[in-house]
Amino acid sequence: MNKIQYRRYTTLGDALRLLLRQYGLAPELERRRIYEAWDTASGAGAYTVRRYFRDGRLHVTMSSSVLRSQLYFQRDALLEKMNALLRDDGLLAASSGRVYVKELILK
């Protein structure tokens, strides 16, 4: 029983983060989480044709020009809401003040 006392224990969340990084799955999982945050924050998932995320910029192609113009004026609020959702989820987040999506480009 003495060996148990000297073992180093990690939490399940830390082990999962390490596993995802080790197998190179972390960037894809983060990208999927960002797409989900877009669908939740905007409510326009059904009208989203294409999504592309790179270097802090989320490019979204919409099928409805009317909806696109309405969301265009709400970009700042959408960015705040998306980043708040991603921060609250926090599976891969290293710091609580991290900004995931810096710019939203609607097409």
C-alpha atoms as a PDB file:
ATOM      1  CA  MET A   1       0.000   0.000   0.000  1.00  0.00           C
ATOM      2  CA  ASN A   2       2.965   2.340   0.263  1.00  0.00           C
ATOM      3  CA  LYS A   3       3.251   2.676  -3.525  1.00  0.00           C
ATOM      4  CA  ILE A   4      -0.192   4.258  -3.741  1.00  0.00           C
ATOM      5  CA  GLN A   5       0.927   7.122  -1.540  1.00  0.00           C
ATOM      6  CA  TYR A   6       3.760   8.057  -3.897  1.00  0.00           C
ATOM      7  CA  ARG A   7       1.827   7.867  -7.144  1.00  0.00           C
ATOM      8  CA  ARG A   8       1.052  11.060  -8.958  1.00  0.00           C
ATOM      9  CA  TYR A   9      -2.644  11.439  -9.673  1.00  0.00           C
ATOM     10  CA  THR A  10      -4.186  13.601 -12.352  1.00  0.00           C
ATOM     11  CA  THR A  11      -7.781  14.567 -12.852  1.00  0.00           C
ATOM     12  CA  LEU A  12      -9.801  13.034 -15.646  1.00  0.00           C
ATOM     13  CA  GLY A  13     -10.112  16.423 -17.359  1.00  0.00           C
ATOM     14  CA  ASP A  14      -6.326  16.900 -17.387  1.00  0.00           C
ATOM     15  CA  ALA A  15      -5.813  13.393 -18.743  1.00  0.00           C
ATOM     16  CA  LEU A  16      -8.348  14.034 -21.509  1.00  0.00           C
ATOM     17  CA  ARG A  17      -6.685  17.339 -22.478  1.00  0.00           C
ATOM     18  CA  LEU A  18      -3.303  15.635 -22.618  1.00  0.00           C
ATOM     19  CA  LEU A  19      -4.671  12.783 -24.719  1.00  0.00           C
ATOM     20  CA  LEU A  20      -6.312  15.160 -27.202  1.00  0.00           C
ATOM     21  CA  ARG A  21      -3.122  17.193 -27.593  1.00  0.00           C
ATOM     22  CA  GLN A  22      -0.949  14.103 -27.865  1.00  0.00           C
ATOM     23  CA  TYR A  23      -2.985  12.650 -30.737  1.00  0.00           C
ATOM     24  CA  GLY A  24      -3.384  16.008 -32.499  1.00  0.00           C
ATOM     25  CA  LEU A  25      -7.149  16.145 -32.078  1.00  0.00           C
ATOM     26  CA  ALA A  26      -7.292  19.382 -30.086  1.00  0.00           C
ATOM     27  CA  PRO A  27      -7.424  21.835 -33.048  1.00  0.00           C
ATOM     28  CA  GLU A  28     -10.258  19.955 -34.759  1.00  0.00           C
ATOM     29  CA  LEU A  29     -12.246  19.683 -31.534  1.00  0.00           C
ATOM     30  CA  GLU A  30     -11.776  23.391 -30.884  1.00  0.00           C
ATOM     31  CA  ARG A  31     -12.928  24.199 -34.430  1.00  0.00           C
ATOM     32  CA  ARG A  32     -16.075  22.086 -33.923  1.00  0.00           C
ATOM     33  CA  ARG A  33     -16.778  23.853 -30.628  1.00  0.00           C
ATOM     34  CA  ILE A  34     -16.484  27.223 -32.389  1.00  0.00           C
ATOM     35  CA  TYR A  35     -18.960  26.124 -35.072  1.00  0.00           C
ATOM     36  CA  GLU A  36     -21.394  24.974 -32.375  1.00  0.00           C
ATOM     37  CA  ALA A  37     -20.993  28.310 -30.587  1.00  0.00           C
ATOM     38  CA  TRP A  38     -21.863  30.094 -33.845  1.00  0.00           C
ATOM     39  CA  ASP A  39     -25.023  28.028 -34.247  1.00  0.00           C
ATOM     40  CA  THR A  40     -26.045  28.675 -30.639  1.00  0.00           C
ATOM     41  CA  ALA A  41     -25.191  32.377 -30.490  1.00  0.00           C
ATOM     42  CA  SER A  42     -26.650  33.352 -33.849  1.00  0.00           C
ATOM     43  CA  GLY A  43     -29.529  30.919 -34.121  1.00  0.00           C
ATOM     44  CA  ALA A  44     -28.812  30.844 -37.855  1.00  0.00           C
ATOM     45  CA  GLY A  45     -27.409  27.335 -38.138  1.00  0.00           C
ATOM     46  CA  ALA A  46     -30.088  26.347 -40.633  1.00  0.00           C
ATOM     47  CA  TYR A  47     -29.141  29.244 -42.912  1.00  0.00           C
ATOM     48  CA  THR A  48     -25.394  28.681 -42.682  1.00  0.00           C
ATOM     49  CA  VAL A  49     -23.994  27.246 -45.897  1.00  0.00           C
ATOM     50  CA  ARG A  50     -20.254  27.242 -45.119  1.00  0.00           C
ATOM     51  CA  ARG A  51     -18.075  27.928 -42.106  1.00  0.00           C
ATOM     52  CA  TYR A  52     -14.334  28.361 -42.050  1.00  0.00           C
ATOM     53  CA  PHE A  53     -12.145  29.219 -39.046  1.00  0.00           C
ATOM     54  CA  ARG A  54      -8.496  30.211 -39.188  1.00  0.00           C
ATOM     55  CA  ASP A  55      -6.242  32.543 -37.194  1.00  0.00           C
ATOM     56  CA  GLY A  56      -9.051  33.833 -35.002  1.00  0.00           C
ATOM     57  CA  ARG A  57     -11.318  34.690 -37.926  1.00  0.00           C
ATOM     58  CA  LEU A  58     -14.619  32.935 -38.503  1.00  0.00           C
ATOM     59  CA  HIS A  59     -15.850  33.172 -42.098  1.00  0.00           C
ATOM     60  CA  VAL A  60     -19.536  32.339 -42.441  1.00  0.00           C
ATOM     61  CA  THR A  61     -21.460  32.070 -45.712  1.00  0.00           C
ATOM     62  CA  MET A  62     -25.198  32.563 -45.316  1.00  0.00           C
ATOM     63  CA  SER A  63     -27.986  31.476 -47.676  1.00  0.00           C
ATOM     64  CA  SER A  64     -30.238  34.393 -46.689  1.00  0.00           C
ATOM     65  CA  SER A  65     -29.092  37.921 -47.521  1.00  0.00           C
ATOM     66  CA  VAL A  66     -31.715  39.404 -45.189  1.00  0.00           C
ATOM     67  CA  LEU A  67     -30.483  37.378 -42.228  1.00  0.00           C
ATOM     68  CA  ARG A  68     -26.867  38.127 -43.137  1.00  0.00           C
ATOM     69  CA  SER A  69     -27.517  41.873 -43.058  1.00  0.00           C
ATOM     70  CA  GLN A  70     -29.290  41.602 -39.692  1.00  0.00           C
ATOM     71  CA  LEU A  71     -26.435  39.586 -38.197  1.00  0.00           C
ATOM     72  CA  TYR A  72     -23.895  41.978 -39.682  1.00  0.00           C
ATOM     73  CA  PHE A  73     -25.075  44.728 -37.329  1.00  0.00           C
ATOM     74  CA  GLN A  74     -24.905  42.341 -34.358  1.00  0.00           C
ATOM     75  CA  ARG A  75     -21.330  41.160 -34.974  1.00  0.00           C
ATOM     76  CA  ASP A  76     -19.871  42.563 -31.749  1.00  0.00           C
ATOM     77  CA  ALA A  77     -22.607  41.054 -29.602  1.00  0.00           C
ATOM     78  CA  LEU A  78     -22.272  37.728 -31.421  1.00  0.00           C
ATOM     79  CA  LEU A  79     -18.509  37.673 -30.850  1.00  0.00           C
ATOM     80  CA  GLU A  80     -18.946  38.344 -27.135  1.00  0.00           C
ATOM     81  CA  LYS A  81     -21.627  35.679 -26.818  1.00  0.00           C
ATOM     82  CA  MET A  82     -19.609  33.085 -28.749  1.00  0.00           C
ATOM     83  CA  ASN A  83     -16.456  33.687 -26.718  1.00  0.00           C
ATOM     84  CA  ALA A  84     -18.464  33.522 -23.484  1.00  0.00           C
ATOM     85  CA  LEU A  85     -19.960  30.176 -24.544  1.00  0.00           C
ATOM     86  CA  LEU A  86     -16.527  28.815 -25.432  1.00  0.00           C
ATOM     87  CA  ARG A  87     -15.012  30.061 -22.175  1.00  0.00           C
ATOM     88  CA  ASP A  88     -17.802  28.490 -20.120  1.00  0.00           C
ATOM     89  CA  ASP A  89     -17.375  25.152 -21.885  1.00  0.00           C
ATOM     90  CA  GLY A  90     -13.630  25.287 -21.229  1.00  0.00           C
ATOM     91  CA  LEU A  91     -12.583  21.791 -22.307  1.00  0.00           C
ATOM     92  CA  LEU A  92      -9.329  22.955 -23.874  1.00  0.00           C
ATOM     93  CA  ALA A  93      -9.091  26.436 -22.389  1.00  0.00           C
ATOM     94  CA  ALA A  94      -5.819  27.206 -20.680  1.00  0.00           C
ATOM     95  CA  SER A  95      -6.907  30.594 -19.352  1.00  0.00           C
ATOM     96  CA  SER A  96     -10.301  32.019 -18.538  1.00  0.00           C
ATOM     97  CA  GLY A  97      -9.668  35.287 -20.396  1.00  0.00           C
ATOM     98  CA  ARG A  98      -8.891  33.681 -23.732  1.00  0.00           C
ATOM     99  CA  VAL A  99     -10.510  35.091 -26.873  1.00  0.00           C
ATOM    100  CA  TYR A 100     -11.241  32.340 -29.368  1.00  0.00           C
ATOM    101  CA  VAL A 101     -12.928  34.253 -32.181  1.00  0.00           C
ATOM    102  CA  LYS A 102     -11.422  37.678 -32.855  1.00  0.00           C
ATOM    103  CA  GLU A 103     -13.255  38.581 -36.036  1.00  0.00           C
ATOM    104  CA  LEU A 104     -16.497  37.519 -37.677  1.00  0.00           C
ATOM    105  CA  ILE A 105     -16.779  37.790 -41.460  1.00  0.00           C
ATOM    106  CA  LEU A 106     -20.231  37.277 -42.954  1.00  0.00           C
ATOM    107  CA  LYS A 107     -20.626  36.482 -46.654  1.00  0.00           C
END
